[in-house]
Amino acid sequence: MPGQQLRFCKMSGAGNDFILINAASTPLPRDPSALAVALCPRRTSVGADGLILVEPSERKDADVRVRFWNPDGGETETCGNGTRCAARFALIEGLARDEMMIETKASDIAAYVSGPLVTLRYAIKPSLTPDLSVTGPEGRRSGHLVGVGVPHLVVQVASMPDGAIEPICRPLRYARELGEAGANINLVEIIDRHTIRIRTYERGVEEETLACGSGSLSSALALCAAGQLESPVTVETRSGSMLTVRFQRETDGSFSQLELKGPARIVYWGEIADSDLPPLR
């Protein structure tokens, strides 16, 4: 894209920050993964937890198509806070109305935008493996493995650690019991039956993020299945922002009507010349 300006929007979904680009109107390099690697590093580039491309869907039953890349260049199937940011971005860019259907690799997600608040409603049926024993740096740990398009291991703690969680979570993220791709790791402290506190180590970012939408959703579902929570669940994220998770527990123990609500804030709009981009591999 010689001589072009790459227009983007920096957004924050409860502390999860992303670089969003309108793929329908912005010239892009052939390899979006290389663009993610170039733009997501902090201090030396724009800096973000991920890159999100938004464009009109080619399907008649969806409004926009959204794709997600982690800072390491890996494409991920879905992202809760990223999808909420994408919904508000699509409305601002004129790609959809305030009620829209979003196509992602994992599933279709309905989104409802009301100013800076965005609510997602999922049709996906989550998978749940309770009380999975995994190998950690301090021996065996038990957690609940949840799939909501991406895998999350939910580990309950009596009280949230004050310091860095990477020494605890990084070995668990690669635990052999979680398979070759591993999983995101969520440390969760229960405050009461409708409130939890969470800290999440995200794969692809390979460190703690200030919030994780799919991690919040997974944690609420896992601990409800364990008999410790009831809908609705308020989730206090590392950033201090609150997310709200709602769901219906069916008589057979399964979950339906999954909902994630929270803020999606515009940080700034920017442009970067292709000549100023870090080298694309």
Protein backbone atom coordinates (compact mmCIF):
# COMPACT_ATOMS: atom_id res chain seq x y z
CA MET A 1 0.00 0.00 0.00
CA PRO A 2 2.62 2.58 -1.11
CA GLY A 3 1.94 6.17 -0.10
CA GLN A 4 -1.22 5.26 1.81
CA GLN A 5 -2.39 6.34 5.25
CA LEU A 6 -3.63 3.56 7.51
CA ARG A 7 -6.64 4.95 9.42
CA PHE A 8 -7.52 3.26 12.69
CA CYS A 9 -9.45 3.69 15.91
CA LYS A 10 -8.02 2.84 19.32
CA MET A 11 -10.75 1.52 21.63
CA SER A 12 -11.01 0.13 25.14
CA GLY A 13 -13.49 -2.53 26.17
CA ALA A 14 -13.45 -2.33 29.99
CA GLY A 15 -9.65 -2.04 29.83
CA ASN A 16 -9.07 -4.53 27.02
CA ASP A 17 -7.63 -2.25 24.31
CA PHE A 18 -7.76 -2.82 20.58
CA ILE A 19 -6.83 -1.30 17.22
CA LEU A 20 -9.87 -1.31 14.94
CA ILE A 21 -9.77 -0.83 11.18
CA ASN A 22 -12.57 -0.53 8.64
CA ALA A 23 -11.40 -3.16 6.17
CA ALA A 24 -13.94 -1.98 3.59
CA SER A 25 -12.43 1.49 3.23
CA THR A 26 -8.80 1.19 4.30
CA PRO A 27 -6.03 -0.30 2.11
CA LEU A 28 -4.43 -3.17 4.01
CA PRO A 29 -1.33 -5.30 3.56
CA ARG A 30 -1.92 -8.83 2.34
CA ASP A 31 -1.02 -10.35 5.69
CA PRO A 32 -3.11 -8.98 8.60
CA SER A 33 -1.11 -11.10 11.06
CA ALA A 34 2.02 -9.14 10.17
CA LEU A 35 0.08 -5.92 10.68
CA ALA A 36 -0.92 -7.09 14.17
CA VAL A 37 2.70 -7.86 15.02
CA ALA A 38 3.69 -4.40 13.76
CA LEU A 39 0.97 -2.33 15.46
CA CYS A 40 0.31 -4.07 18.79
CA PRO A 41 3.69 -3.68 20.60
CA ARG A 42 3.54 -1.09 23.35
CA ARG A 43 6.10 1.76 23.56
CA THR A 44 7.44 1.08 20.02
CA SER A 45 4.11 1.21 18.13
CA VAL A 46 0.42 1.97 18.70
CA GLY A 47 0.13 -0.73 21.37
CA ALA A 48 -2.91 -2.93 22.01
CA ASP A 49 -4.17 -6.31 23.16
CA GLY A 50 -5.17 -7.08 19.58
CA LEU A 51 -6.02 -5.99 16.04
CA ILE A 52 -9.62 -6.11 14.80
CA LEU A 53 -10.77 -5.83 11.19
CA VAL A 54 -14.42 -4.93 10.57
CA GLU A 55 -16.17 -5.11 7.20
CA PRO A 56 -19.65 -5.76 5.77
CA SER A 57 -20.65 -9.40 5.87
CA GLU A 58 -21.22 -11.15 2.55
CA ARG A 59 -24.05 -13.11 4.16
CA LYS A 60 -27.66 -11.92 4.08
CA ASP A 61 -28.28 -12.94 7.70
CA ALA A 62 -25.38 -10.94 9.17
CA ASP A 63 -24.47 -7.26 9.07
CA VAL A 64 -20.72 -7.21 9.62
CA ARG A 65 -17.84 -9.67 9.62
CA VAL A 66 -15.24 -9.27 12.37
CA ARG A 67 -11.80 -10.89 12.57
CA PHE A 68 -9.33 -10.79 15.46
CA TRP A 69 -5.54 -11.05 15.70
CA ASN A 70 -3.44 -11.32 18.86
CA PRO A 71 -0.21 -9.32 19.27
CA ASP A 72 1.79 -12.45 18.36
CA GLY A 73 0.10 -12.50 14.94
CA GLY A 74 -2.16 -15.45 15.63
CA GLU A 75 -5.76 -15.13 14.51
CA THR A 76 -8.30 -16.01 17.18
CA GLU A 77 -11.85 -17.20 16.63
CA THR A 78 -13.62 -14.63 18.77
CA CYS A 79 -13.14 -12.06 21.54
CA GLY A 80 -15.84 -10.80 23.90
CA ASN A 81 -14.61 -7.28 24.61
CA GLY A 82 -13.24 -6.99 21.09
CA THR A 83 -16.65 -7.84 19.65
CA ARG A 84 -18.28 -5.21 21.83
CA CYS A 85 -15.78 -2.62 20.56
CA ALA A 86 -16.34 -3.80 16.99
CA ALA A 87 -20.09 -3.31 17.35
CA ARG A 88 -19.75 0.32 18.42
CA PHE A 89 -17.11 0.91 15.75
CA ALA A 90 -19.41 -0.58 13.06
CA LEU A 91 -22.20 1.78 14.12
CA ILE A 92 -19.90 4.83 14.02
CA GLU A 93 -18.51 3.83 10.63
CA GLY A 94 -22.00 3.37 9.16
CA LEU A 95 -21.54 -0.35 8.60
CA ALA A 96 -24.52 -1.32 10.77
CA ARG A 97 -27.35 0.06 12.88
CA ASP A 98 -27.45 -0.01 16.68
CA GLU A 99 -28.86 -3.56 16.57
CA MET A 100 -26.73 -5.86 14.45
CA MET A 101 -25.67 -9.43 13.80
CA ILE A 102 -21.92 -9.96 13.86
CA GLU A 103 -20.24 -12.82 12.00
CA THR A 104 -17.13 -14.23 13.71
CA LYS A 105 -15.17 -17.41 13.08
CA ALA A 106 -16.59 -18.98 16.24
CA SER A 107 -20.28 -18.04 15.94
CA ASP A 108 -22.74 -15.31 15.12
CA ILE A 109 -23.26 -12.77 17.91
CA ALA A 110 -26.12 -10.27 18.24
CA ALA A 111 -25.01 -6.83 19.44
CA TYR A 112 -26.95 -3.90 20.83
CA VAL A 113 -25.26 -0.50 21.09
CA SER A 114 -26.53 2.19 23.45
CA GLY A 115 -23.99 5.01 23.56
CA PRO A 116 -20.79 3.66 25.14
CA LEU A 117 -22.54 0.53 26.46
CA VAL A 118 -22.65 -2.56 24.27
CA THR A 119 -24.51 -5.78 24.99
CA LEU A 120 -23.73 -9.07 23.23
CA ARG A 121 -26.10 -12.01 23.02
CA TYR A 122 -24.59 -15.35 22.08
CA ALA A 123 -26.24 -18.27 20.31
CA ILE A 124 -23.25 -20.53 21.02
CA LYS A 125 -23.65 -23.52 23.35
CA PRO A 126 -20.71 -23.41 25.77
CA SER A 127 -18.73 -26.54 26.60
CA LEU A 128 -17.73 -27.22 30.19
CA THR A 129 -15.29 -29.68 31.76
CA PRO A 130 -15.56 -29.25 35.54
CA ASP A 131 -12.83 -29.99 38.07
CA LEU A 132 -10.06 -30.59 35.55
CA SER A 133 -6.73 -31.29 37.22
CA VAL A 134 -3.80 -29.57 35.48
CA THR A 135 -0.07 -29.47 36.14
CA GLY A 136 1.19 -26.15 37.52
CA PRO A 137 4.46 -24.84 38.97
CA GLU A 138 3.30 -25.75 42.48
CA GLY A 139 1.97 -29.18 41.59
CA ARG A 140 -1.58 -30.02 40.56
CA ARG A 141 -4.32 -27.39 40.36
CA SER A 142 -8.01 -27.89 39.76
CA GLY A 143 -9.98 -25.68 37.40
CA HIS A 144 -13.02 -25.64 35.14
CA LEU A 145 -12.34 -25.69 31.39
CA VAL A 146 -14.92 -23.68 29.45
CA GLY A 147 -15.28 -23.21 25.70
CA VAL A 148 -17.16 -20.15 24.42
CA GLY A 149 -15.48 -20.02 21.02
CA VAL A 150 -12.09 -19.82 22.75
CA PRO A 151 -10.91 -21.99 25.68
CA HIS A 152 -10.68 -20.67 29.24
CA LEU A 153 -9.46 -22.39 32.39
CA VAL A 154 -11.26 -20.96 35.42
CA VAL A 155 -9.28 -21.29 38.66
CA GLN A 156 -10.99 -20.19 41.86
CA VAL A 157 -8.81 -18.47 44.48
CA ALA A 158 -9.65 -17.63 48.09
CA SER A 159 -8.24 -14.12 47.64
CA MET A 160 -6.83 -12.40 44.57
CA PRO A 161 -3.01 -12.16 44.37
CA ASP A 162 -1.66 -8.63 44.75
CA GLY A 163 1.38 -9.05 42.54
CA ALA A 164 2.01 -10.32 39.02
CA ILE A 165 -0.01 -13.37 38.00
CA GLU A 166 2.27 -14.44 35.14
CA PRO A 167 4.37 -16.78 37.33
CA ILE A 168 1.16 -18.60 38.31
CA CYS A 169 -0.69 -18.51 35.01
CA ARG A 170 1.96 -18.92 32.32
CA PRO A 171 2.82 -22.54 33.23
CA LEU A 172 -0.90 -23.37 33.48
CA ARG A 173 -1.57 -21.79 30.07
CA TYR A 174 0.76 -24.42 28.56
CA ALA A 175 -0.33 -27.33 30.80
CA ARG A 176 -0.36 -30.54 28.78
CA GLU A 177 -3.92 -31.31 29.94
CA LEU A 178 -5.15 -28.29 27.96
CA GLY A 179 -3.84 -29.57 24.63
CA GLU A 180 -1.33 -28.13 22.18
CA ALA A 181 -3.04 -24.74 21.84
CA GLY A 182 -3.42 -24.29 25.60
CA ALA A 183 -6.00 -21.98 27.11
CA ASN A 184 -6.52 -18.57 28.64
CA ILE A 185 -6.19 -18.64 32.43
CA ASN A 186 -8.64 -16.87 34.76
CA LEU A 187 -8.08 -16.41 38.48
CA VAL A 188 -11.45 -15.77 40.10
CA GLU A 189 -12.40 -14.64 43.59
CA ILE A 190 -16.06 -14.94 44.59
CA ILE A 191 -17.38 -11.89 46.46
CA ASP A 192 -20.99 -13.08 46.74
CA ARG A 193 -23.44 -15.13 44.66
CA HIS A 194 -23.77 -12.32 42.11
CA THR A 195 -20.29 -10.76 42.14
CA ILE A 196 -16.79 -11.95 41.25
CA ARG A 197 -13.37 -10.40 40.87
CA ILE A 198 -11.21 -11.65 38.00
CA ARG A 199 -7.69 -11.45 36.61
CA THR A 200 -6.94 -13.04 33.23
CA TYR A 201 -3.78 -14.21 31.49
CA GLU A 202 -4.50 -14.24 27.75
CA ARG A 203 -2.82 -16.54 25.28
CA GLY A 204 -1.53 -14.70 22.21
CA VAL A 205 -0.95 -11.65 24.40
CA GLU A 206 1.07 -13.89 26.76
CA GLU A 207 0.53 -11.68 29.79
CA GLU A 208 -2.26 -10.33 31.95
CA THR A 209 -4.79 -8.03 30.30
CA LEU A 210 -6.89 -5.48 32.16
CA ALA A 211 -10.12 -7.26 31.20
CA CYS A 212 -11.34 -10.26 29.22
CA GLY A 213 -14.94 -10.55 28.06
CA SER A 214 -14.92 -14.23 27.15
CA GLY A 215 -13.01 -14.95 30.36
CA SER A 216 -15.66 -13.12 32.40
CA LEU A 217 -18.42 -15.05 30.65
CA SER A 218 -16.61 -18.38 31.09
CA SER A 219 -15.93 -17.74 34.77
CA ALA A 220 -19.55 -16.88 35.53
CA LEU A 221 -20.80 -20.01 33.75
CA ALA A 222 -18.25 -22.33 35.37
CA LEU A 223 -18.93 -21.15 38.90
CA CYS A 224 -22.69 -21.22 38.36
CA ALA A 225 -22.34 -24.84 37.23
CA ALA A 226 -20.41 -25.45 40.45
CA GLY A 227 -23.36 -24.08 42.43
CA GLN A 228 -21.59 -20.92 43.60
CA LEU A 229 -23.09 -18.17 41.42
CA GLU A 230 -26.46 -17.09 40.03
CA SER A 231 -27.36 -14.86 37.10
CA PRO A 232 -26.84 -11.93 36.76
CA VAL A 233 -23.16 -11.78 37.67
CA THR A 234 -21.21 -8.54 38.05
CA VAL A 235 -17.56 -9.00 37.11
CA GLU A 236 -14.94 -6.65 38.53
CA THR A 237 -12.04 -6.57 36.08
CA ARG A 238 -8.42 -5.68 36.71
CA SER A 239 -9.03 -2.20 35.21
CA GLY A 240 -11.77 -1.53 37.75
CA SER A 241 -14.46 -1.52 35.06
CA MET A 242 -17.50 -3.71 35.59
CA LEU A 243 -18.94 -6.22 33.14
CA THR A 244 -22.34 -7.87 33.53
CA VAL A 245 -22.96 -11.49 32.56
CA ARG A 246 -26.47 -12.93 32.24
CA PHE A 247 -27.56 -16.42 31.27
CA GLN A 248 -30.33 -18.98 31.58
CA ARG A 249 -29.63 -22.29 33.33
CA GLU A 250 -31.72 -25.04 31.77
CA THR A 251 -33.19 -28.03 33.64
CA ASP A 252 -30.60 -30.33 32.06
CA GLY A 253 -27.78 -28.16 33.42
CA SER A 254 -26.89 -26.54 30.11
CA PHE A 255 -26.70 -22.80 29.52
CA SER A 256 -28.55 -20.59 27.04
CA GLN A 257 -29.28 -16.89 26.41
CA LEU A 258 -25.70 -15.87 27.17
CA GLU A 259 -25.25 -12.11 27.50
CA LEU A 260 -22.22 -9.88 28.07
CA LYS A 261 -22.65 -6.15 28.75
CA GLY A 262 -20.14 -3.40 29.41
CA PRO A 263 -18.43 -0.24 28.17
CA ALA A 264 -16.76 0.14 24.77
CA ARG A 265 -14.92 3.46 24.80
CA ILE A 266 -13.17 5.33 22.01
CA VAL A 267 -9.66 6.33 23.08
CA TYR A 268 -8.63 8.15 19.89
CA TRP A 269 -8.59 8.05 16.09
CA GLY A 270 -5.28 7.97 14.26
CA GLU A 271 -3.46 7.55 10.97
CA ILE A 272 -0.09 6.02 10.30
CA ALA A 273 1.80 6.22 7.02
CA ASP A 274 2.88 2.94 5.50
CA SER A 275 6.43 4.30 5.45
CA ASP A 276 6.28 4.70 9.24
CA LEU A 277 5.00 1.22 9.94
CA PRO A 278 7.45 -1.13 11.60
CA PRO A 279 8.65 -3.77 9.16
CA LEU A 280 5.98 -6.30 8.19
CA ARG A 281 7.35 -9.82 8.20
